[in-house]
């Protein structure tokens, strides 16, 4: 969390998290309206290369969910003075 303190209230500007995923596997019977072979190719590709795909997509997702994650701590910290949380 990053932010600044104004009038003893911590205002969160960013809430960055990096979820750690141990394993990831998808299953789809009809992912695309193409042939079964093409569907299997896409599913196998994603299952094999998901770590690289995850690293590419994570910054994009972080920008999307950052505003949602900032909302909750700002509601909390607006009610509790900064000096009480961090004396």
C-alpha atoms as a PDB file:
ATOM      1  CA  UNK A   1       0.000   0.000   0.000  1.00  0.00           C
ATOM      2  CA  UNK A   2       1.231   3.439  -0.832  1.00  0.00           C
ATOM      3  CA  UNK A   3      -0.274   6.763   0.010  1.00  0.00           C
ATOM      4  CA  UNK A   4       0.115   9.812   2.166  1.00  0.00           C
ATOM      5  CA  UNK A   5      -1.159  11.143   5.495  1.00  0.00           C
ATOM      6  CA  UNK A   6      -3.365  14.232   5.593  1.00  0.00           C
ATOM      7  CA  UNK A   7      -4.841  15.506   8.875  1.00  0.00           C
ATOM      8  CA  UNK A   8      -3.944  12.227  10.645  1.00  0.00           C
ATOM      9  CA  UNK A   9      -5.772  10.199   7.972  1.00  0.00           C
ATOM     10  CA  UNK A  10      -3.883   7.754   5.786  1.00  0.00           C
ATOM     11  CA  UNK A  11      -5.060   8.101   2.189  1.00  0.00           C
ATOM     12  CA  UNK A  12      -4.181   5.016   0.174  1.00  0.00           C
ATOM     13  CA  UNK A  13      -3.329   5.751  -3.451  1.00  0.00           C
ATOM     14  CA  UNK A  14      -2.252   2.292  -4.597  1.00  0.00           C
ATOM     15  CA  UNK A  15      -2.706  -1.226  -3.263  1.00  0.00           C
ATOM     16  CA  UNK A  16      -0.432  -3.564  -5.197  1.00  0.00           C
ATOM     17  CA  UNK A  17      -0.552  -7.303  -4.687  1.00  0.00           C
ATOM     18  CA  UNK A  18       1.184 -10.079  -6.580  1.00  0.00           C
ATOM     19  CA  UNK A  19      -0.766 -13.305  -6.188  1.00  0.00           C
ATOM     20  CA  UNK A  20       1.423 -16.388  -6.208  1.00  0.00           C
ATOM     21  CA  UNK A  21      -0.028 -19.337  -8.093  1.00  0.00           C
ATOM     22  CA  UNK A  22       1.472 -22.774  -7.519  1.00  0.00           C
ATOM     23  CA  UNK A  23      -0.278 -24.692 -10.259  1.00  0.00           C
ATOM     24  CA  UNK A  24      -2.842 -23.783 -12.857  1.00  0.00           C
ATOM     25  CA  UNK A  25      -4.685 -26.010 -15.286  1.00  0.00           C
ATOM     26  CA  UNK A  26      -7.745 -25.354 -17.416  1.00  0.00           C
ATOM     27  CA  UNK A  27     -10.214 -27.801 -18.898  1.00  0.00           C
ATOM     28  CA  UNK A  28     -12.586 -26.907 -21.717  1.00  0.00           C
ATOM     29  CA  UNK A  29     -14.602 -29.106 -23.997  1.00  0.00           C
ATOM     30  CA  UNK A  30     -15.788 -26.357 -26.306  1.00  0.00           C
ATOM     31  CA  UNK A  31     -13.639 -23.295 -25.658  1.00  0.00           C
ATOM     32  CA  UNK A  32     -13.878 -22.067 -29.223  1.00  0.00           C
ATOM     33  CA  UNK A  33     -16.421 -22.861 -31.882  1.00  0.00           C
ATOM     34  CA  UNK A  34     -13.758 -24.591 -33.924  1.00  0.00           C
ATOM     35  CA  UNK A  35     -12.678 -28.182 -34.213  1.00  0.00           C
ATOM     36  CA  UNK A  36     -11.835 -30.310 -31.186  1.00  0.00           C
ATOM     37  CA  UNK A  37      -8.204 -30.428 -32.312  1.00  0.00           C
ATOM     38  CA  UNK A  38      -7.948 -26.640 -32.305  1.00  0.00           C
ATOM     39  CA  UNK A  39      -9.639 -26.472 -28.899  1.00  0.00           C
ATOM     40  CA  UNK A  40      -7.180 -29.039 -27.515  1.00  0.00           C
ATOM     41  CA  UNK A  41      -4.263 -27.094 -29.004  1.00  0.00           C
ATOM     42  CA  UNK A  42      -5.331 -23.860 -27.269  1.00  0.00           C
ATOM     43  CA  UNK A  43      -5.979 -25.600 -23.932  1.00  0.00           C
ATOM     44  CA  UNK A  44      -2.639 -27.426 -24.064  1.00  0.00           C
ATOM     45  CA  UNK A  45      -0.818 -24.203 -24.968  1.00  0.00           C
ATOM     46  CA  UNK A  46      -2.357 -22.312 -22.032  1.00  0.00           C
ATOM     47  CA  UNK A  47      -1.705 -25.188 -19.627  1.00  0.00           C
ATOM     48  CA  UNK A  48       1.926 -25.461 -20.713  1.00  0.00           C
ATOM     49  CA  UNK A  49       2.785 -21.762 -20.923  1.00  0.00           C
ATOM     50  CA  UNK A  50       0.553 -20.296 -18.216  1.00  0.00           C
ATOM     51  CA  UNK A  51       3.497 -18.938 -16.119  1.00  0.00           C
ATOM     52  CA  UNK A  52       4.668 -16.739 -19.008  1.00  0.00           C
ATOM     53  CA  UNK A  53       1.097 -15.699 -19.815  1.00  0.00           C
ATOM     54  CA  UNK A  54       0.511 -14.901 -16.129  1.00  0.00           C
ATOM     55  CA  UNK A  55       3.614 -12.668 -15.978  1.00  0.00           C
ATOM     56  CA  UNK A  56       2.395 -10.747 -19.034  1.00  0.00           C
ATOM     57  CA  UNK A  57      -1.189 -10.359 -17.829  1.00  0.00           C
ATOM     58  CA  UNK A  58      -0.457  -9.599 -14.146  1.00  0.00           C
ATOM     59  CA  UNK A  59       0.487  -5.904 -14.626  1.00  0.00           C
ATOM     60  CA  UNK A  60      -2.641  -5.365 -16.713  1.00  0.00           C
ATOM     61  CA  UNK A  61      -4.825  -7.026 -14.079  1.00  0.00           C
ATOM     62  CA  UNK A  62      -3.092  -5.065 -11.301  1.00  0.00           C
ATOM     63  CA  UNK A  63      -4.077  -1.802 -12.983  1.00  0.00           C
ATOM     64  CA  UNK A  64      -7.667  -3.028 -13.231  1.00  0.00           C
ATOM     65  CA  UNK A  65      -8.129  -4.248  -9.647  1.00  0.00           C
ATOM     66  CA  UNK A  66      -6.007  -1.553  -7.949  1.00  0.00           C
ATOM     67  CA  UNK A  67      -8.958   0.897  -7.644  1.00  0.00           C
ATOM     68  CA  UNK A  68     -11.125  -1.814  -6.087  1.00  0.00           C
ATOM     69  CA  UNK A  69      -8.422  -2.788  -3.598  1.00  0.00           C
ATOM     70  CA  UNK A  70      -7.819   0.861  -2.650  1.00  0.00           C
ATOM     71  CA  UNK A  71     -11.466   1.444  -1.789  1.00  0.00           C
ATOM     72  CA  UNK A  72     -11.655  -0.831   1.287  1.00  0.00           C
ATOM     73  CA  UNK A  73      -8.568   0.397   3.179  1.00  0.00           C
ATOM     74  CA  UNK A  74      -9.519   4.007   2.475  1.00  0.00           C
ATOM     75  CA  UNK A  75     -12.923   3.414   4.070  1.00  0.00           C
ATOM     76  CA  UNK A  76     -11.221   1.835   7.085  1.00  0.00           C
ATOM     77  CA  UNK A  77      -8.466   4.426   7.449  1.00  0.00           C
ATOM     78  CA  UNK A  78     -10.932   7.306   7.085  1.00  0.00           C
ATOM     79  CA  UNK A  79     -12.542   6.174  10.350  1.00  0.00           C
ATOM     80  CA  UNK A  80      -9.374   5.381  12.336  1.00  0.00           C
ATOM     81  CA  UNK A  81      -6.687   8.046  12.841  1.00  0.00           C
ATOM     82  CA  UNK A  82      -3.231   7.229  11.484  1.00  0.00           C
ATOM     83  CA  UNK A  83      -1.670   7.954  14.893  1.00  0.00           C
ATOM     84  CA  UNK A  84      -3.789   5.207  16.484  1.00  0.00           C
ATOM     85  CA  UNK A  85      -2.813   2.598  13.897  1.00  0.00           C
ATOM     86  CA  UNK A  86       0.872   3.541  13.881  1.00  0.00           C
ATOM     87  CA  UNK A  87       1.665   5.215  17.227  1.00  0.00           C
END
